[in-house]
Amino acid sequence: MKLPDEEIRRLKRENEELKEEKEILKKPWPSSPKPKVKYQFIESHRSEFAVKKMCRVLGVSRSGYYKWAKHIDSDRQKSNEHLLVRIRDAYVGVGYIRQPRVTAELKSKGLHAERIELPS
């Protein structure tokens, strides 16, 4: 059975797309279901692959990615990032620490840390 030329061209295009998708998935990235992690991956690989294709492969919307890319951190987020850096610096190599200890330590240094959301 011989396939028509049009069908062969379509299959070749499909094969090329699948190869590119495979290359996207070969890149190291945290297997997190959180869109933010996927958006960060897309941002760091947008020079290699099309944003549209990466969004489709990773299961996120393009509009969501572009909204994330334009997003400016709130004052609260900036404050949390600053505190997180201070916490990491203060507790390098200490291991597991509990939030009350961290909060008390930060307050003793004059930093306001009523509630900080630490990434897991």
N, C-alpha and C. Protein backbone atom coordinates (compact mmCIF):
# COMPACT_ATOMS: atom_id res chain seq x y z
N MET A 1 0.84 -1.19 0.00
CA MET A 1 0.00 0.00 0.00
C MET A 1 0.88 1.24 0.00
N LYS A 2 0.72 2.06 -0.98
CA LYS A 2 1.52 3.27 -1.11
C LYS A 2 0.70 4.48 -0.62
N LEU A 3 1.34 5.28 0.26
CA LEU A 3 0.67 6.46 0.79
C LEU A 3 0.79 7.62 -0.19
N PRO A 4 -0.24 8.45 -0.29
CA PRO A 4 -0.15 9.63 -1.15
C PRO A 4 0.89 10.61 -0.61
N ASP A 5 1.47 11.40 -1.48
CA ASP A 5 2.51 12.36 -1.10
C ASP A 5 2.05 13.30 0.01
N GLU A 6 0.80 13.71 -0.06
CA GLU A 6 0.27 14.62 0.96
C GLU A 6 0.30 13.97 2.35
N GLU A 7 -0.07 12.71 2.41
CA GLU A 7 -0.06 11.98 3.68
C GLU A 7 1.38 11.82 4.19
N ILE A 8 2.31 11.57 3.33
CA ILE A 8 3.72 11.44 3.72
C ILE A 8 4.24 12.76 4.29
N ARG A 9 3.90 13.87 3.64
CA ARG A 9 4.33 15.19 4.15
C ARG A 9 3.72 15.46 5.52
N ARG A 10 2.45 15.13 5.70
CA ARG A 10 1.79 15.34 6.98
C ARG A 10 2.46 14.51 8.07
N LEU A 11 2.78 13.26 7.76
CA LEU A 11 3.44 12.39 8.74
C LEU A 11 4.84 12.88 9.07
N LYS A 12 5.55 13.42 8.12
CA LYS A 12 6.89 13.97 8.36
C LYS A 12 6.82 15.18 9.28
N ARG A 13 5.82 16.07 9.02
CA ARG A 13 5.63 17.24 9.89
C ARG A 13 5.31 16.80 11.32
N GLU A 14 4.42 15.83 11.43
CA GLU A 14 4.03 15.32 12.75
C GLU A 14 5.24 14.70 13.46
N ASN A 15 6.05 13.98 12.71
CA ASN A 15 7.24 13.37 13.29
C ASN A 15 8.22 14.43 13.79
N GLU A 16 8.39 15.51 13.05
CA GLU A 16 9.28 16.60 13.47
C GLU A 16 8.75 17.27 14.74
N GLU A 17 7.44 17.47 14.80
CA GLU A 17 6.86 18.07 16.00
C GLU A 17 7.06 17.18 17.21
N LEU A 18 6.88 15.89 17.04
CA LEU A 18 7.07 14.96 18.15
C LEU A 18 8.53 14.94 18.61
N LYS A 19 9.46 15.04 17.68
CA LYS A 19 10.88 15.09 18.03
C LYS A 19 11.17 16.34 18.87
N GLU A 20 10.58 17.48 18.47
CA GLU A 20 10.81 18.71 19.21
C GLU A 20 10.19 18.63 20.61
N GLU A 21 9.00 18.07 20.71
CA GLU A 21 8.38 17.90 22.02
C GLU A 21 9.23 17.01 22.92
N LYS A 22 9.79 15.97 22.34
CA LYS A 22 10.67 15.07 23.08
C LYS A 22 11.89 15.83 23.61
N GLU A 23 12.44 16.72 22.79
CA GLU A 23 13.60 17.52 23.20
C GLU A 23 13.23 18.45 24.36
N ILE A 24 12.04 19.02 24.31
CA ILE A 24 11.59 19.89 25.41
C ILE A 24 11.56 19.09 26.70
N LEU A 25 10.99 17.90 26.64
CA LEU A 25 10.84 17.09 27.85
C LEU A 25 12.16 16.49 28.33
N LYS A 26 13.18 16.49 27.50
CA LYS A 26 14.49 16.00 27.91
C LYS A 26 15.20 17.00 28.83
N LYS A 27 14.83 18.27 28.73
CA LYS A 27 15.47 19.31 29.53
C LYS A 27 15.17 19.07 31.01
N PRO A 28 16.16 19.31 31.87
CA PRO A 28 15.91 19.12 33.30
C PRO A 28 14.99 20.21 33.84
N TRP A 29 13.96 19.80 34.50
CA TRP A 29 13.04 20.75 35.14
C TRP A 29 12.34 20.04 36.27
N PRO A 30 12.05 20.77 37.34
CA PRO A 30 11.37 20.16 38.49
C PRO A 30 10.00 19.65 38.07
N SER A 31 9.70 18.44 38.41
CA SER A 31 8.40 17.86 38.03
C SER A 31 7.35 18.30 39.04
N SER A 32 7.08 19.57 39.05
CA SER A 32 6.09 20.14 39.96
C SER A 32 4.82 20.44 39.18
N PRO A 33 3.67 20.19 39.80
CA PRO A 33 2.42 20.51 39.11
C PRO A 33 2.11 22.01 39.13
N LYS A 34 2.89 22.79 39.87
CA LYS A 34 2.62 24.22 40.00
C LYS A 34 2.95 24.94 38.69
N PRO A 35 2.01 25.74 38.18
CA PRO A 35 2.27 26.47 36.95
C PRO A 35 3.49 27.38 37.03
N LYS A 36 3.75 27.99 38.19
CA LYS A 36 4.88 28.91 38.33
C LYS A 36 6.19 28.22 37.94
N VAL A 37 6.36 26.98 38.35
CA VAL A 37 7.58 26.23 38.03
C VAL A 37 7.66 26.00 36.53
N LYS A 38 6.53 25.68 35.93
CA LYS A 38 6.50 25.46 34.49
C LYS A 38 6.77 26.76 33.74
N TYR A 39 6.22 27.88 34.23
CA TYR A 39 6.47 29.18 33.61
C TYR A 39 7.96 29.54 33.68
N GLN A 40 8.59 29.25 34.81
CA GLN A 40 10.02 29.53 34.95
C GLN A 40 10.83 28.70 33.94
N PHE A 41 10.42 27.45 33.75
CA PHE A 41 11.07 26.59 32.77
C PHE A 41 10.93 27.20 31.36
N ILE A 42 9.72 27.61 31.03
CA ILE A 42 9.46 28.20 29.71
C ILE A 42 10.31 29.45 29.52
N GLU A 43 10.38 30.29 30.54
CA GLU A 43 11.16 31.52 30.47
C GLU A 43 12.63 31.22 30.19
N SER A 44 13.16 30.20 30.83
CA SER A 44 14.59 29.92 30.67
C SER A 44 14.92 29.18 29.37
N HIS A 45 13.91 28.65 28.68
CA HIS A 45 14.16 27.91 27.44
C HIS A 45 13.49 28.53 26.21
N ARG A 46 13.02 29.75 26.34
CA ARG A 46 12.29 30.34 25.22
C ARG A 46 13.17 30.67 24.03
N SER A 47 14.48 30.69 24.22
CA SER A 47 15.36 30.92 23.07
C SER A 47 15.58 29.63 22.27
N GLU A 48 15.26 28.49 22.89
CA GLU A 48 15.45 27.20 22.22
C GLU A 48 14.19 26.68 21.54
N PHE A 49 13.05 26.93 22.17
CA PHE A 49 11.78 26.38 21.69
C PHE A 49 10.72 27.46 21.65
N ALA A 50 9.69 27.23 20.87
CA ALA A 50 8.57 28.17 20.78
C ALA A 50 7.75 28.11 22.07
N VAL A 51 7.36 29.29 22.56
CA VAL A 51 6.56 29.37 23.78
C VAL A 51 5.26 28.58 23.61
N LYS A 52 4.64 28.72 22.46
CA LYS A 52 3.37 28.04 22.20
C LYS A 52 3.52 26.53 22.37
N LYS A 53 4.59 25.99 21.82
CA LYS A 53 4.81 24.54 21.89
C LYS A 53 5.12 24.10 23.33
N MET A 54 5.96 24.85 24.04
CA MET A 54 6.29 24.48 25.42
C MET A 54 5.05 24.53 26.30
N CYS A 55 4.20 25.52 26.11
CA CYS A 55 2.97 25.61 26.90
C CYS A 55 2.09 24.40 26.66
N ARG A 56 1.99 24.00 25.40
CA ARG A 56 1.16 22.83 25.08
C ARG A 56 1.74 21.56 25.70
N VAL A 57 3.05 21.38 25.57
CA VAL A 57 3.70 20.18 26.10
C VAL A 57 3.61 20.13 27.62
N LEU A 58 3.75 21.28 28.28
CA LEU A 58 3.74 21.32 29.74
C LEU A 58 2.34 21.47 30.32
N GLY A 59 1.36 21.65 29.47
CA GLY A 59 -0.03 21.70 29.94
C GLY A 59 -0.41 22.99 30.64
N VAL A 60 0.14 24.11 30.18
CA VAL A 60 -0.25 25.42 30.72
C VAL A 60 -0.70 26.30 29.57
N SER A 61 -1.47 27.33 29.89
CA SER A 61 -1.95 28.22 28.83
C SER A 61 -0.91 29.28 28.50
N ARG A 62 -0.88 29.70 27.25
CA ARG A 62 0.03 30.77 26.85
C ARG A 62 -0.34 32.07 27.55
N SER A 63 -1.64 32.32 27.65
CA SER A 63 -2.05 33.57 28.31
C SER A 63 -1.60 33.58 29.77
N GLY A 64 -1.65 32.42 30.41
CA GLY A 64 -1.18 32.32 31.79
C GLY A 64 0.31 32.59 31.89
N TYR A 65 1.06 32.06 30.93
CA TYR A 65 2.51 32.30 30.92
C TYR A 65 2.80 33.78 30.74
N TYR A 66 2.15 34.41 29.75
CA TYR A 66 2.43 35.82 29.49
C TYR A 66 1.98 36.71 30.65
N LYS A 67 0.91 36.34 31.31
CA LYS A 67 0.46 37.10 32.49
C LYS A 67 1.52 36.98 33.58
N TRP A 68 2.04 35.75 33.78
CA TRP A 68 3.09 35.53 34.78
C TRP A 68 4.34 36.33 34.41
N ALA A 69 4.71 36.33 33.14
CA ALA A 69 5.93 37.01 32.69
C ALA A 69 5.85 38.52 32.93
N LYS A 70 4.65 39.11 32.82
CA LYS A 70 4.47 40.54 33.03
C LYS A 70 4.32 40.91 34.50
N HIS A 71 4.04 39.93 35.33
CA HIS A 71 3.72 40.16 36.73
C HIS A 71 4.85 40.87 37.47
N ILE A 72 4.49 41.83 38.27
CA ILE A 72 5.43 42.53 39.13
C ILE A 72 5.13 42.08 40.56
N ASP A 73 6.16 41.66 41.27
CA ASP A 73 5.97 41.20 42.65
C ASP A 73 5.39 42.30 43.52
N SER A 74 4.49 41.90 44.40
CA SER A 74 3.92 42.85 45.35
C SER A 74 4.95 43.16 46.43
N ASP A 75 4.68 44.19 47.22
CA ASP A 75 5.58 44.53 48.32
C ASP A 75 5.71 43.35 49.28
N ARG A 76 4.60 42.64 49.49
CA ARG A 76 4.60 41.49 50.40
C ARG A 76 5.54 40.40 49.86
N GLN A 77 5.45 40.13 48.57
CA GLN A 77 6.31 39.11 47.98
C GLN A 77 7.78 39.51 48.06
N LYS A 78 8.07 40.78 47.80
CA LYS A 78 9.45 41.27 47.88
C LYS A 78 9.97 41.15 49.31
N SER A 79 9.12 41.50 50.26
CA SER A 79 9.49 41.40 51.67
C SER A 79 9.77 39.95 52.05
N ASN A 80 8.90 39.05 51.60
CA ASN A 80 9.10 37.63 51.89
C ASN A 80 10.40 37.12 51.29
N GLU A 81 10.71 37.54 50.08
CA GLU A 81 11.96 37.12 49.44
C GLU A 81 13.17 37.61 50.23
N HIS A 82 13.09 38.86 50.69
CA HIS A 82 14.17 39.43 51.48
C HIS A 82 14.35 38.64 52.78
N LEU A 83 13.25 38.36 53.45
CA LEU A 83 13.32 37.58 54.69
C LEU A 83 13.84 36.18 54.44
N LEU A 84 13.42 35.58 53.36
CA LEU A 84 13.85 34.22 53.04
C LEU A 84 15.37 34.17 52.83
N VAL A 85 15.91 35.18 52.18
CA VAL A 85 17.36 35.24 52.00
C VAL A 85 18.06 35.36 53.35
N ARG A 86 17.53 36.21 54.22
CA ARG A 86 18.10 36.38 55.56
C ARG A 86 18.02 35.08 56.37
N ILE A 87 16.89 34.38 56.25
CA ILE A 87 16.72 33.11 56.98
C ILE A 87 17.72 32.08 56.47
N ARG A 88 17.84 31.96 55.17
CA ARG A 88 18.77 30.98 54.60
C ARG A 88 20.21 31.30 55.01
N ASP A 89 20.56 32.58 55.00
CA ASP A 89 21.92 32.96 55.42
C ASP A 89 22.17 32.61 56.88
N ALA A 90 21.16 32.87 57.72
CA ALA A 90 21.32 32.64 59.16
C ALA A 90 21.35 31.16 59.53
N TYR A 91 20.72 30.33 58.75
CA TYR A 91 20.58 28.93 59.13
C TYR A 91 21.24 27.96 58.17
N VAL A 92 22.26 28.42 57.47
CA VAL A 92 22.98 27.54 56.55
C VAL A 92 23.58 26.39 57.34
N GLY A 93 23.28 25.17 56.95
CA GLY A 93 23.85 23.99 57.58
C GLY A 93 23.22 23.58 58.89
N VAL A 94 22.21 24.33 59.37
CA VAL A 94 21.59 24.00 60.65
C VAL A 94 20.64 22.82 60.51
N GLY A 95 20.03 22.66 59.34
CA GLY A 95 19.07 21.58 59.15
C GLY A 95 17.67 22.08 59.40
N TYR A 96 16.82 21.22 59.92
CA TYR A 96 15.42 21.54 60.13
C TYR A 96 15.25 22.52 61.28
N ILE A 97 14.51 23.59 61.03
CA ILE A 97 14.18 24.54 62.08
C ILE A 97 12.69 24.84 62.01
N ARG A 98 12.11 25.16 63.15
CA ARG A 98 10.68 25.44 63.19
C ARG A 98 10.41 26.92 63.07
N GLN A 99 9.22 27.23 62.58
CA GLN A 99 8.85 28.63 62.32
C GLN A 99 8.94 29.52 63.57
N PRO A 100 8.48 29.07 64.75
CA PRO A 100 8.56 29.97 65.92
C PRO A 100 10.00 30.43 66.21
N ARG A 101 10.94 29.52 66.03
CA ARG A 101 12.34 29.86 66.26
C ARG A 101 12.82 30.90 65.24
N VAL A 102 12.45 30.71 63.99
CA VAL A 102 12.84 31.64 62.95
C VAL A 102 12.22 33.00 63.21
N THR A 103 10.94 33.03 63.52
CA THR A 103 10.24 34.29 63.77
C THR A 103 10.89 35.03 64.94
N ALA A 104 11.18 34.32 66.02
CA ALA A 104 11.81 34.95 67.19
C ALA A 104 13.18 35.52 66.84
N GLU A 105 13.94 34.77 66.07
CA GLU A 105 15.27 35.21 65.67
C GLU A 105 15.20 36.47 64.81
N LEU A 106 14.27 36.49 63.86
CA LEU A 106 14.12 37.67 63.00
C LEU A 106 13.67 38.89 63.79
N LYS A 107 12.73 38.68 64.72
CA LYS A 107 12.26 39.81 65.53
C LYS A 107 13.38 40.36 66.40
N SER A 108 14.26 39.47 66.89
CA SER A 108 15.37 39.92 67.72
C SER A 108 16.35 40.78 66.91
N LYS A 109 16.34 40.60 65.59
CA LYS A 109 17.20 41.39 64.71
C LYS A 109 16.48 42.62 64.17
N GLY A 110 15.26 42.84 64.66
CA GLY A 110 14.51 44.03 64.25
C GLY A 110 13.76 43.88 62.95
N LEU A 111 13.59 42.65 62.48
CA LEU A 111 12.85 42.42 61.24
C LEU A 111 11.44 41.99 61.57
N HIS A 112 10.48 42.56 60.85
CA HIS A 112 9.08 42.20 61.06
C HIS A 112 8.79 40.90 60.28
N ALA A 113 8.40 39.89 61.01
CA ALA A 113 8.12 38.59 60.38
C ALA A 113 6.89 37.95 61.00
N GLU A 114 5.81 38.71 60.97
CA GLU A 114 4.58 38.19 61.57
C GLU A 114 4.11 36.91 60.89
N ARG A 115 4.14 36.94 59.58
CA ARG A 115 3.70 35.76 58.83
C ARG A 115 4.46 35.74 57.52
N ILE A 116 5.25 34.72 57.34
CA ILE A 116 5.96 34.57 56.08
C ILE A 116 5.65 33.20 55.53
N GLU A 117 5.39 33.16 54.26
CA GLU A 117 5.09 31.89 53.60
C GLU A 117 6.38 31.37 53.00
N LEU A 118 6.92 30.34 53.61
CA LEU A 118 8.17 29.76 53.12
C LEU A 118 7.86 28.69 52.08
N PRO A 119 8.62 28.69 51.00
CA PRO A 119 8.41 27.63 50.01
C PRO A 119 8.85 26.29 50.56
N SER A 120 8.19 25.23 50.14
CA SER A 120 8.56 23.91 50.64
C SER A 120 9.64 23.30 49.79
